[in-house]
Amino acid sequence: MQKTYYDPSDLKKFGKISEWSEDLGEKFFEYYNKVFEEGALSAREKALIALAVSHVVKCPYCIDAYTKDGLQRGITKEEMMEAVHAGAAIESGATLVHAVQMMNKVNKLDL
């Protein structure tokens, strides 16, 4: 069995974050649960967004949780992959648009 830095069993301990700061933990979970309620976006749509963001922020716990959640909501593997690609495209674009800053700096320095 391959040992990794992230232990998948730690995801089950997420609720314990309130133990060291009960007030803030409770407020976080209240907010978190409210965010994922049905609203202008469906819970299914929010699950796809969460899966894409999970990949962009590179959180293995979130990737595991929202992959499972997505499957339970009937999200197909093709929809999941498309959402991940949408997140990756935004992340890539955000990186590349900063090249304008580099180009501006080069133009200033290249007298």
N, C-alpha and C. Protein backbone atom coordinates (compact mmCIF):
# COMPACT_ATOMS: atom_id res chain seq x y z
N MET A 1 0.83 -1.16 0.00
CA MET A 1 0.00 0.00 0.00
C MET A 1 0.89 1.25 0.00
N GLN A 2 0.61 2.16 -0.93
CA GLN A 2 1.39 3.38 -1.05
C GLN A 2 0.99 4.38 0.02
N LYS A 3 1.97 4.91 0.71
CA LYS A 3 1.69 5.90 1.75
C LYS A 3 1.82 7.30 1.13
N THR A 4 0.85 8.15 1.42
CA THR A 4 0.88 9.50 0.90
C THR A 4 0.81 10.49 2.06
N TYR A 5 1.12 11.75 1.76
CA TYR A 5 1.06 12.79 2.76
C TYR A 5 -0.37 12.98 3.25
N TYR A 6 -1.31 12.93 2.33
CA TYR A 6 -2.72 13.08 2.67
C TYR A 6 -3.31 11.71 2.99
N ASP A 7 -3.91 11.59 4.14
CA ASP A 7 -4.53 10.35 4.55
C ASP A 7 -6.03 10.45 4.26
N PRO A 8 -6.55 9.66 3.32
CA PRO A 8 -7.97 9.74 2.98
C PRO A 8 -8.91 9.61 4.19
N SER A 9 -8.48 8.91 5.21
CA SER A 9 -9.33 8.75 6.39
C SER A 9 -9.48 10.06 7.17
N ASP A 10 -8.58 11.02 6.91
CA ASP A 10 -8.69 12.31 7.60
C ASP A 10 -9.93 13.08 7.19
N LEU A 11 -10.46 12.82 6.01
CA LEU A 11 -11.66 13.51 5.56
C LEU A 11 -12.80 13.30 6.54
N LYS A 12 -12.87 12.11 7.12
CA LYS A 12 -13.92 11.81 8.09
C LYS A 12 -13.77 12.63 9.38
N LYS A 13 -12.60 13.19 9.59
CA LYS A 13 -12.34 13.97 10.80
C LYS A 13 -12.64 15.46 10.62
N PHE A 14 -13.09 15.84 9.44
CA PHE A 14 -13.32 17.25 9.13
C PHE A 14 -14.22 17.93 10.15
N GLY A 15 -15.26 17.25 10.58
CA GLY A 15 -16.18 17.81 11.56
C GLY A 15 -15.53 18.15 12.89
N LYS A 16 -14.36 17.57 13.14
CA LYS A 16 -13.67 17.80 14.42
C LYS A 16 -12.96 19.14 14.47
N ILE A 17 -12.95 19.89 13.36
CA ILE A 17 -12.26 21.19 13.40
C ILE A 17 -12.91 22.12 14.41
N SER A 18 -14.15 21.85 14.77
CA SER A 18 -14.85 22.68 15.76
C SER A 18 -14.33 22.45 17.18
N GLU A 19 -13.64 21.36 17.39
CA GLU A 19 -13.18 21.04 18.75
C GLU A 19 -12.24 22.09 19.32
N TRP A 20 -11.41 22.69 18.49
CA TRP A 20 -10.42 23.64 18.99
C TRP A 20 -10.90 25.07 18.87
N SER A 21 -12.04 25.25 18.21
CA SER A 21 -12.64 26.59 18.09
C SER A 21 -14.11 26.39 17.79
N GLU A 22 -14.86 26.06 18.82
CA GLU A 22 -16.25 25.67 18.66
C GLU A 22 -17.08 26.74 17.94
N ASP A 23 -16.97 27.97 18.38
CA ASP A 23 -17.77 29.04 17.80
C ASP A 23 -17.49 29.21 16.30
N LEU A 24 -16.21 29.30 15.95
CA LEU A 24 -15.86 29.49 14.54
C LEU A 24 -16.18 28.25 13.72
N GLY A 25 -15.95 27.08 14.27
CA GLY A 25 -16.28 25.85 13.56
C GLY A 25 -17.76 25.75 13.26
N GLU A 26 -18.58 26.07 14.26
CA GLU A 26 -20.04 26.02 14.06
C GLU A 26 -20.48 27.04 13.01
N LYS A 27 -19.89 28.22 13.06
CA LYS A 27 -20.23 29.25 12.07
C LYS A 27 -19.83 28.82 10.67
N PHE A 28 -18.65 28.21 10.56
CA PHE A 28 -18.21 27.73 9.25
C PHE A 28 -19.18 26.69 8.70
N PHE A 29 -19.52 25.69 9.51
CA PHE A 29 -20.40 24.63 9.02
C PHE A 29 -21.80 25.14 8.73
N GLU A 30 -22.27 26.11 9.49
CA GLU A 30 -23.57 26.73 9.20
C GLU A 30 -23.52 27.39 7.82
N TYR A 31 -22.47 28.16 7.58
CA TYR A 31 -22.27 28.82 6.29
C TYR A 31 -22.13 27.78 5.16
N TYR A 32 -21.26 26.81 5.37
CA TYR A 32 -20.97 25.77 4.38
C TYR A 32 -22.26 25.05 3.98
N ASN A 33 -23.04 24.64 4.95
CA ASN A 33 -24.30 23.94 4.66
C ASN A 33 -25.29 24.85 3.95
N LYS A 34 -25.35 26.10 4.31
CA LYS A 34 -26.25 27.06 3.66
C LYS A 34 -25.86 27.25 2.20
N VAL A 35 -24.58 27.34 1.93
CA VAL A 35 -24.09 27.53 0.56
C VAL A 35 -24.57 26.42 -0.36
N PHE A 36 -24.59 25.19 0.14
CA PHE A 36 -24.91 24.06 -0.72
C PHE A 36 -26.39 23.70 -0.76
N GLU A 37 -27.24 24.52 -0.14
CA GLU A 37 -28.68 24.32 -0.27
C GLU A 37 -29.13 24.71 -1.68
N GLU A 38 -30.29 24.18 -2.07
CA GLU A 38 -30.88 24.60 -3.34
C GLU A 38 -31.12 26.10 -3.30
N GLY A 39 -30.85 26.77 -4.37
CA GLY A 39 -31.07 28.21 -4.47
C GLY A 39 -31.20 28.57 -5.93
N ALA A 40 -30.60 29.67 -6.33
CA ALA A 40 -30.60 30.04 -7.75
C ALA A 40 -29.89 28.96 -8.56
N LEU A 41 -28.92 28.31 -7.94
CA LEU A 41 -28.26 27.15 -8.54
C LEU A 41 -28.75 25.89 -7.83
N SER A 42 -28.86 24.83 -8.58
CA SER A 42 -29.26 23.56 -7.98
C SER A 42 -28.09 22.99 -7.18
N ALA A 43 -28.39 22.09 -6.26
CA ALA A 43 -27.35 21.41 -5.49
C ALA A 43 -26.42 20.65 -6.44
N ARG A 44 -26.97 20.13 -7.52
CA ARG A 44 -26.18 19.41 -8.53
C ARG A 44 -25.18 20.35 -9.20
N GLU A 45 -25.65 21.54 -9.58
CA GLU A 45 -24.75 22.51 -10.21
C GLU A 45 -23.66 22.94 -9.23
N LYS A 46 -24.04 23.13 -7.99
CA LYS A 46 -23.06 23.52 -6.97
C LYS A 46 -22.03 22.42 -6.75
N ALA A 47 -22.46 21.16 -6.85
CA ALA A 47 -21.54 20.04 -6.70
C ALA A 47 -20.50 20.03 -7.83
N LEU A 48 -20.94 20.36 -9.05
CA LEU A 48 -19.99 20.43 -10.17
C LEU A 48 -19.01 21.58 -9.99
N ILE A 49 -19.50 22.72 -9.54
CA ILE A 49 -18.62 23.85 -9.27
C ILE A 49 -17.61 23.46 -8.20
N ALA A 50 -18.08 22.85 -7.13
CA ALA A 50 -17.20 22.44 -6.03
C ALA A 50 -16.14 21.45 -6.52
N LEU A 51 -16.52 20.55 -7.40
CA LEU A 51 -15.56 19.58 -7.93
C LEU A 51 -14.49 20.29 -8.76
N ALA A 52 -14.90 21.22 -9.61
CA ALA A 52 -13.93 21.97 -10.42
C ALA A 52 -12.98 22.78 -9.54
N VAL A 53 -13.54 23.49 -8.56
CA VAL A 53 -12.72 24.30 -7.66
C VAL A 53 -11.78 23.41 -6.85
N SER A 54 -12.26 22.25 -6.45
CA SER A 54 -11.42 21.31 -5.70
C SER A 54 -10.15 20.97 -6.46
N HIS A 55 -10.28 20.84 -7.77
CA HIS A 55 -9.11 20.54 -8.58
C HIS A 55 -8.21 21.77 -8.72
N VAL A 56 -8.81 22.93 -8.88
CA VAL A 56 -8.01 24.16 -9.03
C VAL A 56 -7.21 24.43 -7.75
N VAL A 57 -7.82 24.24 -6.59
CA VAL A 57 -7.09 24.47 -5.34
C VAL A 57 -6.30 23.24 -4.90
N LYS A 58 -6.43 22.17 -5.67
CA LYS A 58 -5.66 20.93 -5.48
C LYS A 58 -5.84 20.31 -4.10
N CYS A 59 -7.10 20.19 -3.69
CA CYS A 59 -7.42 19.59 -2.39
C CYS A 59 -7.86 18.14 -2.59
N PRO A 60 -7.01 17.18 -2.23
CA PRO A 60 -7.39 15.79 -2.44
C PRO A 60 -8.62 15.36 -1.64
N TYR A 61 -8.79 15.96 -0.46
CA TYR A 61 -9.97 15.63 0.34
C TYR A 61 -11.23 16.08 -0.38
N CYS A 62 -11.20 17.30 -0.90
CA CYS A 62 -12.36 17.85 -1.61
C CYS A 62 -12.63 17.08 -2.90
N ILE A 63 -11.57 16.71 -3.60
CA ILE A 63 -11.74 15.94 -4.84
C ILE A 63 -12.45 14.63 -4.52
N ASP A 64 -12.01 13.93 -3.48
CA ASP A 64 -12.67 12.69 -3.08
C ASP A 64 -14.13 12.94 -2.71
N ALA A 65 -14.35 13.95 -1.88
CA ALA A 65 -15.71 14.21 -1.37
C ALA A 65 -16.65 14.60 -2.50
N TYR A 66 -16.22 15.49 -3.38
CA TYR A 66 -17.14 15.98 -4.42
C TYR A 66 -17.25 15.03 -5.60
N THR A 67 -16.28 14.14 -5.78
CA THR A 67 -16.44 13.08 -6.77
C THR A 67 -17.54 12.13 -6.30
N LYS A 68 -17.46 11.71 -5.06
CA LYS A 68 -18.47 10.82 -4.49
C LYS A 68 -19.84 11.50 -4.48
N ASP A 69 -19.88 12.76 -4.03
CA ASP A 69 -21.13 13.51 -3.99
C ASP A 69 -21.73 13.63 -5.40
N GLY A 70 -20.88 13.93 -6.36
CA GLY A 70 -21.36 14.07 -7.74
C GLY A 70 -21.96 12.78 -8.27
N LEU A 71 -21.29 11.68 -8.02
CA LEU A 71 -21.83 10.38 -8.47
C LEU A 71 -23.18 10.11 -7.83
N GLN A 72 -23.30 10.43 -6.53
CA GLN A 72 -24.57 10.22 -5.83
C GLN A 72 -25.68 11.11 -6.39
N ARG A 73 -25.31 12.23 -6.98
CA ARG A 73 -26.29 13.15 -7.56
C ARG A 73 -26.57 12.85 -9.03
N GLY A 74 -25.94 11.78 -9.53
CA GLY A 74 -26.17 11.39 -10.92
C GLY A 74 -25.33 12.14 -11.93
N ILE A 75 -24.31 12.82 -11.46
CA ILE A 75 -23.41 13.52 -12.38
C ILE A 75 -22.55 12.47 -13.08
N THR A 76 -22.46 12.58 -14.39
CA THR A 76 -21.70 11.59 -15.15
C THR A 76 -20.21 11.90 -15.10
N LYS A 77 -19.42 10.91 -15.42
CA LYS A 77 -17.97 11.11 -15.43
C LYS A 77 -17.58 12.12 -16.52
N GLU A 78 -18.36 12.15 -17.63
CA GLU A 78 -18.09 13.12 -18.69
C GLU A 78 -18.36 14.55 -18.19
N GLU A 79 -19.45 14.73 -17.43
CA GLU A 79 -19.76 16.05 -16.87
C GLU A 79 -18.69 16.46 -15.86
N MET A 80 -18.24 15.49 -15.06
CA MET A 80 -17.19 15.79 -14.09
C MET A 80 -15.93 16.26 -14.80
N MET A 81 -15.53 15.53 -15.83
CA MET A 81 -14.29 15.88 -16.53
C MET A 81 -14.42 17.23 -17.22
N GLU A 82 -15.59 17.51 -17.78
CA GLU A 82 -15.80 18.80 -18.43
C GLU A 82 -15.72 19.94 -17.40
N ALA A 83 -16.26 19.73 -16.22
CA ALA A 83 -16.18 20.74 -15.16
C ALA A 83 -14.72 20.96 -14.75
N VAL A 84 -13.96 19.88 -14.62
CA VAL A 84 -12.54 19.99 -14.26
C VAL A 84 -11.78 20.75 -15.34
N HIS A 85 -12.10 20.48 -16.60
CA HIS A 85 -11.44 21.22 -17.69
C HIS A 85 -11.81 22.70 -17.66
N ALA A 86 -13.04 23.01 -17.32
CA ALA A 86 -13.44 24.42 -17.22
C ALA A 86 -12.62 25.11 -16.12
N GLY A 87 -12.47 24.45 -14.99
CA GLY A 87 -11.65 25.00 -13.92
C GLY A 87 -10.19 25.15 -14.34
N ALA A 88 -9.67 24.14 -15.03
CA ALA A 88 -8.27 24.18 -15.49
C ALA A 88 -8.06 25.31 -16.49
N ALA A 89 -9.04 25.53 -17.37
CA ALA A 89 -8.92 26.61 -18.36
C ALA A 89 -8.87 27.97 -17.68
N ILE A 90 -9.70 28.17 -16.66
CA ILE A 90 -9.69 29.44 -15.93
C ILE A 90 -8.36 29.60 -15.19
N GLU A 91 -7.90 28.52 -14.55
CA GLU A 91 -6.63 28.60 -13.83
C GLU A 91 -5.49 28.91 -14.80
N SER A 92 -5.46 28.26 -15.96
CA SER A 92 -4.41 28.51 -16.95
C SER A 92 -4.48 29.94 -17.46
N GLY A 93 -5.69 30.39 -17.77
CA GLY A 93 -5.86 31.75 -18.25
C GLY A 93 -5.41 32.77 -17.23
N ALA A 94 -5.73 32.52 -15.97
CA ALA A 94 -5.32 33.43 -14.90
C ALA A 94 -3.80 33.49 -14.79
N THR A 95 -3.14 32.38 -15.01
CA THR A 95 -1.68 32.36 -15.01
C THR A 95 -1.14 33.12 -16.21
N LEU A 96 -1.68 32.82 -17.38
CA LEU A 96 -1.17 33.43 -18.60
C LEU A 96 -1.45 34.91 -18.71
N VAL A 97 -2.58 35.38 -18.18
CA VAL A 97 -2.88 36.81 -18.27
C VAL A 97 -1.84 37.63 -17.49
N HIS A 98 -1.21 37.01 -16.52
CA HIS A 98 -0.15 37.70 -15.79
C HIS A 98 1.09 37.92 -16.66
N ALA A 99 1.16 37.27 -17.81
CA ALA A 99 2.25 37.52 -18.74
C ALA A 99 2.21 38.96 -19.24
N VAL A 100 1.04 39.57 -19.24
CA VAL A 100 0.92 40.97 -19.63
C VAL A 100 1.74 41.83 -18.67
N GLN A 101 1.70 41.51 -17.39
CA GLN A 101 2.50 42.24 -16.41
C GLN A 101 3.98 42.11 -16.75
N MET A 102 4.41 40.90 -17.09
CA MET A 102 5.80 40.66 -17.47
C MET A 102 6.14 41.46 -18.72
N MET A 103 5.25 41.42 -19.70
CA MET A 103 5.50 42.14 -20.95
C MET A 103 5.60 43.64 -20.71
N ASN A 104 4.71 44.18 -19.85
CA ASN A 104 4.78 45.60 -19.52
C ASN A 104 6.11 45.95 -18.87
N LYS A 105 6.58 45.09 -17.95
CA LYS A 105 7.84 45.32 -17.26
C LYS A 105 9.01 45.28 -18.23
N VAL A 106 9.02 44.31 -19.12
CA VAL A 106 10.08 44.21 -20.12
C VAL A 106 10.08 45.47 -20.98
N ASN A 107 8.91 45.91 -21.42
CA ASN A 107 8.83 47.10 -22.26
C ASN A 107 9.34 48.34 -21.54
N LYS A 108 9.09 48.45 -20.23
CA LYS A 108 9.59 49.58 -19.45
C LYS A 108 11.13 49.53 -19.32
N LEU A 109 11.65 48.31 -19.11
CA LEU A 109 13.09 48.16 -18.88
C LEU A 109 13.89 48.16 -20.18
N ASP A 110 13.26 47.80 -21.25
CA ASP A 110 13.94 47.70 -22.55
C ASP A 110 13.89 49.06 -23.24
N LEU A 111 14.76 49.93 -22.79
CA LEU A 111 14.80 51.29 -23.28
C LEU A 111 15.37 51.27 -24.64
